[in-house]
């Protein structure tokens, strides 16, 4: 059994893989991760694979735990090319490993297609990968909560209450105007990314969405295009997209 660990800025997510089947995601705040907790939950694993956006302390703790238990441990880093996927960045090391793994995961999850990847979390990232596994680049913008908080903290006369209702309808009060605009900005950037892909002769065939706000974004997109019988793409929600990318490294090590 393999343990895949995705370490974020404030919490980590854990998935076990056995016989190519993934467990449900278990999430834990980084501050609560200890060697005792790891032993209690993951003593049975025989390999650990880690991806971390910027948490060296947690990475070292898990590495040391794995070493003490005689378990091989691999820390994934972004590369220029891996498993046929080609990174568009000139300096490949500056592409976040979460985005890199999303590209690798997409190339397996939706193979041989031009795919738009949306990771809707604290930040929202947009990436495009072609049917021949070429990364075309992407965008990074604030997530819904960051947009809302930034607007209110930098203005004096805008007063609104944050809600979790995902809508892109035109608002008739300030709370709706601010909240709905945050969601609309994400839907708008997805629409513009599709347009750019078409201009590059790589029309999007599928959109795959992941991240903490992924469910809401998927619902908004599906509602927006529900009456479009001529659309040429499908929308997929995949909360385990990064883990699909990490699982490729299991195959490499076996």
Protein backbone atom coordinates (compact mmCIF):
# COMPACT_ATOMS: atom_id res chain seq x y z
CA UNK A 1 0.00 0.00 0.00
CA UNK A 2 1.32 3.42 -1.01
CA UNK A 3 0.76 6.70 0.81
CA UNK A 4 0.41 9.86 -1.27
CA UNK A 5 0.77 13.16 0.62
CA UNK A 6 -0.17 16.55 -0.82
CA UNK A 7 1.13 19.24 1.56
CA UNK A 8 -0.50 22.63 1.18
CA UNK A 9 0.17 25.92 2.91
CA UNK A 10 -2.08 25.22 5.89
CA UNK A 11 -3.08 21.56 5.68
CA UNK A 12 -2.09 18.29 4.07
CA UNK A 13 -4.16 15.70 2.25
CA UNK A 14 -3.48 11.95 2.43
CA UNK A 15 -4.56 9.18 0.06
CA UNK A 16 -3.65 5.50 0.19
CA UNK A 17 -3.36 3.45 -2.99
CA UNK A 18 -3.79 -0.32 -2.90
CA UNK A 19 -4.22 -2.47 -6.00
CA UNK A 20 -4.54 0.76 -8.03
CA UNK A 21 -7.57 1.82 -5.96
CA UNK A 22 -7.47 5.16 -4.14
CA UNK A 23 -8.86 5.68 -0.66
CA UNK A 24 -10.92 8.71 0.26
CA UNK A 25 -8.95 11.87 0.96
CA UNK A 26 -8.03 12.49 4.58
CA UNK A 27 -7.11 16.09 5.39
CA UNK A 28 -5.30 17.40 8.46
CA UNK A 29 -3.98 20.81 9.50
CA UNK A 30 -0.20 20.89 9.16
CA UNK A 31 0.19 21.85 12.82
CA UNK A 32 -1.43 18.56 13.85
CA UNK A 33 0.84 16.27 11.84
CA UNK A 34 3.19 14.33 14.14
CA UNK A 35 5.17 11.12 13.91
CA UNK A 36 2.78 9.57 16.44
CA UNK A 37 -0.22 10.45 14.25
CA UNK A 38 1.52 9.05 11.16
CA UNK A 39 2.30 5.79 12.95
CA UNK A 40 -1.28 5.47 14.19
CA UNK A 41 -2.75 5.94 10.72
CA UNK A 42 -0.20 4.79 8.15
CA UNK A 43 2.06 2.16 9.68
CA UNK A 44 0.88 -0.38 7.08
CA UNK A 45 2.10 1.55 4.03
CA UNK A 46 5.28 0.42 2.29
CA UNK A 47 6.09 3.58 0.32
CA UNK A 48 5.52 7.30 0.80
CA UNK A 49 5.29 9.86 -2.02
CA UNK A 50 5.17 13.57 -1.14
CA UNK A 51 4.32 16.75 -3.01
CA UNK A 52 4.67 20.03 -1.12
CA UNK A 53 4.03 23.59 -2.28
CA UNK A 54 6.21 25.21 0.38
CA UNK A 55 6.29 23.35 3.68
CA UNK A 56 9.82 22.04 4.15
CA UNK A 57 9.31 21.42 7.86
CA UNK A 58 6.36 19.08 7.32
CA UNK A 59 8.13 17.40 4.41
CA UNK A 60 11.18 16.70 6.59
CA UNK A 61 9.00 15.39 9.42
CA UNK A 62 7.31 12.87 7.11
CA UNK A 63 10.63 11.94 5.48
CA UNK A 64 12.19 11.28 8.89
CA UNK A 65 9.19 9.23 9.96
CA UNK A 66 9.38 7.16 6.79
CA UNK A 67 13.10 6.60 7.28
CA UNK A 68 12.57 5.50 10.89
CA UNK A 69 10.01 2.95 9.66
CA UNK A 70 12.22 1.76 6.76
CA UNK A 71 9.74 3.00 4.16
CA UNK A 72 11.04 4.40 0.84
CA UNK A 73 10.10 8.05 0.47
CA UNK A 74 10.01 10.12 -2.72
CA UNK A 75 9.58 13.90 -2.83
CA UNK A 76 8.26 15.03 -6.21
CA UNK A 77 9.68 18.16 -7.84
CA UNK A 78 8.57 19.95 -10.99
CA UNK A 79 10.56 18.98 -14.09
CA UNK A 80 10.79 20.13 -17.69
CA UNK A 81 9.39 16.86 -18.97
CA UNK A 82 8.00 13.75 -17.29
CA UNK A 83 5.85 10.88 -18.58
CA UNK A 84 5.72 12.69 -21.92
CA UNK A 85 4.23 15.88 -20.39
CA UNK A 86 6.21 18.98 -21.42
CA UNK A 87 6.28 21.99 -19.09
CA UNK A 88 5.73 25.35 -20.83
CA UNK A 89 7.66 27.36 -18.23
CA UNK A 90 11.10 28.64 -19.26
CA UNK A 91 12.28 27.96 -15.71
CA UNK A 92 10.41 24.77 -14.97
CA UNK A 93 11.22 24.88 -11.26
CA UNK A 94 8.97 27.93 -10.79
CA UNK A 95 5.81 26.06 -11.80
CA UNK A 96 4.16 24.89 -8.59
CA UNK A 97 4.35 21.15 -8.06
CA UNK A 98 0.57 21.05 -7.55
CA UNK A 99 0.02 22.46 -11.05
CA UNK A 100 2.67 20.11 -12.45
CA UNK A 101 0.94 17.09 -10.92
CA UNK A 102 -2.43 18.31 -12.19
CA UNK A 103 -0.95 18.33 -15.70
CA UNK A 104 0.41 14.81 -15.31
CA UNK A 105 -2.84 13.61 -13.75
CA UNK A 106 -4.89 15.13 -16.57
CA UNK A 107 -2.70 13.51 -19.22
CA UNK A 108 -3.69 10.13 -17.74
CA UNK A 109 -7.24 10.94 -16.62
CA UNK A 110 -8.26 12.53 -19.95
CA UNK A 111 -5.66 11.26 -22.37
CA UNK A 112 -5.25 12.47 -25.96
CA UNK A 113 -7.43 15.56 -25.55
CA UNK A 114 -6.99 19.31 -25.34
CA UNK A 115 -7.92 19.98 -21.73
CA UNK A 116 -8.46 23.11 -19.67
CA UNK A 117 -7.50 22.53 -16.02
CA UNK A 118 -9.08 24.66 -13.30
CA UNK A 119 -7.79 24.37 -9.73
CA UNK A 120 -10.21 26.49 -7.71
CA UNK A 121 -8.74 26.86 -4.25
CA UNK A 122 -7.17 29.65 -2.19
CA UNK A 123 -5.79 30.75 -5.53
CA UNK A 124 -7.42 29.80 -8.79
CA UNK A 125 -5.04 28.42 -11.41
CA UNK A 126 -5.78 27.85 -15.07
CA UNK A 127 -3.65 25.58 -17.26
CA UNK A 128 -4.05 24.08 -20.72
CA UNK A 129 -2.55 20.79 -21.84
CA UNK A 130 -2.83 19.62 -25.44
CA UNK A 131 -3.65 16.21 -26.86
CA UNK A 132 0.09 15.59 -27.33
CA UNK A 133 0.85 16.45 -23.66
CA UNK A 134 2.25 19.93 -24.32
CA UNK A 135 1.54 22.47 -21.59
CA UNK A 136 0.53 25.77 -23.19
CA UNK A 137 0.82 27.80 -19.99
CA UNK A 138 -1.86 29.32 -17.83
CA UNK A 139 -2.93 31.95 -15.33
CA UNK A 140 -2.98 32.44 -11.58
CA UNK A 141 -5.59 34.64 -9.94
CA UNK A 142 -6.97 35.00 -6.40
CA UNK A 143 -9.58 32.53 -5.30
CA UNK A 144 -13.10 33.63 -4.40
CA UNK A 145 -12.35 34.34 -0.73
CA UNK A 146 -9.15 36.25 -1.51
CA UNK A 147 -10.94 38.43 -4.04
CA UNK A 148 -13.73 39.25 -1.61
CA UNK A 149 -11.39 39.98 1.31
CA UNK A 150 -9.01 42.07 -0.82
CA UNK A 151 -11.78 44.25 -2.19
CA UNK A 152 -13.30 44.99 1.21
CA UNK A 153 -9.97 45.55 2.94
CA UNK A 154 -8.83 48.06 0.30
CA UNK A 155 -12.00 50.11 -0.04
CA UNK A 156 -13.87 52.29 2.44
CA UNK A 157 -17.36 52.58 1.00
CA UNK A 158 -18.02 49.03 -0.15
CA UNK A 159 -19.80 47.07 2.57
CA UNK A 160 -20.80 43.48 1.91
CA UNK A 161 -21.23 40.20 3.75
CA UNK A 162 -19.47 37.11 2.51
CA UNK A 163 -21.75 34.26 1.49
CA UNK A 164 -21.11 30.74 0.20
CA UNK A 165 -23.88 30.96 -2.39
CA UNK A 166 -22.21 30.49 -5.76
CA UNK A 167 -23.91 32.66 -8.35
CA UNK A 168 -22.98 34.75 -11.36
CA UNK A 169 -26.34 36.54 -11.52
CA UNK A 170 -26.33 40.32 -11.66
CA UNK A 171 -26.74 41.62 -8.12
CA UNK A 172 -29.25 44.17 -6.91
CA UNK A 173 -27.44 44.85 -3.63
CA UNK A 174 -23.77 45.26 -2.68
CA UNK A 175 -23.43 41.85 -1.03
CA UNK A 176 -24.67 40.10 -4.16
CA UNK A 177 -22.65 42.35 -6.46
CA UNK A 178 -19.38 41.58 -4.67
CA UNK A 179 -19.94 37.86 -4.06
CA UNK A 180 -21.31 37.13 -7.52
CA UNK A 181 -18.54 39.10 -9.21
CA UNK A 182 -15.93 36.91 -7.52
CA UNK A 183 -17.53 33.78 -8.94
CA UNK A 184 -18.12 35.47 -12.30
CA UNK A 185 -14.44 36.37 -12.59
CA UNK A 186 -13.51 32.67 -12.44
CA UNK A 187 -16.14 31.68 -14.99
CA UNK A 188 -15.01 34.57 -17.17
CA UNK A 189 -11.36 33.56 -17.12
CA UNK A 190 -12.34 29.99 -18.04
CA UNK A 191 -14.30 31.34 -21.01
CA UNK A 192 -11.37 33.49 -22.12
CA UNK A 193 -8.96 30.55 -21.79
CA UNK A 194 -11.19 28.52 -24.08
CA UNK A 195 -11.13 31.35 -26.60
CA UNK A 196 -7.34 31.58 -26.52
CA UNK A 197 -7.01 27.83 -26.96
CA UNK A 198 -9.19 28.01 -30.07
CA UNK A 199 -7.05 30.85 -31.44
CA UNK A 200 -4.00 28.59 -30.94
CA UNK A 201 -5.76 25.86 -32.96
CA UNK A 202 -6.11 23.73 -29.81
CA UNK A 203 -9.86 23.86 -29.11
CA UNK A 204 -10.77 22.65 -25.64
CA UNK A 205 -12.40 19.22 -25.62
CA UNK A 206 -12.69 18.81 -21.86
CA UNK A 207 -12.58 20.99 -18.75
CA UNK A 208 -11.40 19.31 -15.55
CA UNK A 209 -12.01 21.10 -12.25
CA UNK A 210 -10.45 20.44 -8.87
CA UNK A 211 -9.83 22.34 -5.63
CA UNK A 212 -11.86 23.42 -2.62
CA UNK A 213 -14.23 25.56 -4.69
CA UNK A 214 -14.36 23.05 -7.51
CA UNK A 215 -17.88 21.80 -6.82
CA UNK A 216 -19.31 25.32 -7.03
CA UNK A 217 -17.38 26.16 -10.20
CA UNK A 218 -18.52 22.92 -11.85
CA UNK A 219 -22.16 23.68 -11.00
CA UNK A 220 -21.89 27.23 -12.36
CA UNK A 221 -20.29 26.05 -15.61
CA UNK A 222 -22.80 23.25 -16.09
CA UNK A 223 -25.70 25.66 -15.51
CA UNK A 224 -24.21 28.23 -17.87
CA UNK A 225 -23.87 25.75 -20.73
CA UNK A 226 -26.91 23.56 -19.95
CA UNK A 227 -28.86 24.97 -22.90
CA UNK A 228 -25.94 24.87 -25.33
CA UNK A 229 -26.57 21.76 -27.40
CA UNK A 230 -23.64 22.57 -29.67
CA UNK A 231 -20.90 22.77 -27.07
CA UNK A 232 -17.92 20.60 -27.94
CA UNK A 233 -16.49 20.03 -24.47
CA UNK A 234 -17.36 18.11 -21.31
CA UNK A 235 -16.95 19.34 -17.73
CA UNK A 236 -15.44 16.95 -15.17
CA UNK A 237 -15.06 17.41 -11.40
CA UNK A 238 -12.04 15.52 -10.04
CA UNK A 239 -11.08 16.21 -6.43
CA UNK A 240 -8.26 13.65 -6.66
CA UNK A 241 -6.63 15.12 -9.77
CA UNK A 242 -3.29 15.83 -8.09
CA UNK A 243 -3.28 12.31 -6.64
CA UNK A 244 -3.83 10.90 -10.13
CA UNK A 245 -0.64 12.74 -11.05
CA UNK A 246 1.20 11.39 -8.02
CA UNK A 247 0.07 7.84 -8.77
CA UNK A 248 2.10 7.92 -11.99
CA UNK A 249 5.23 7.93 -9.83
CA UNK A 250 4.08 4.68 -8.19
CA UNK A 251 4.10 3.01 -11.57
CA UNK A 252 7.59 4.37 -12.22
CA UNK A 253 8.94 2.96 -8.94
CA UNK A 254 7.45 -0.52 -9.29
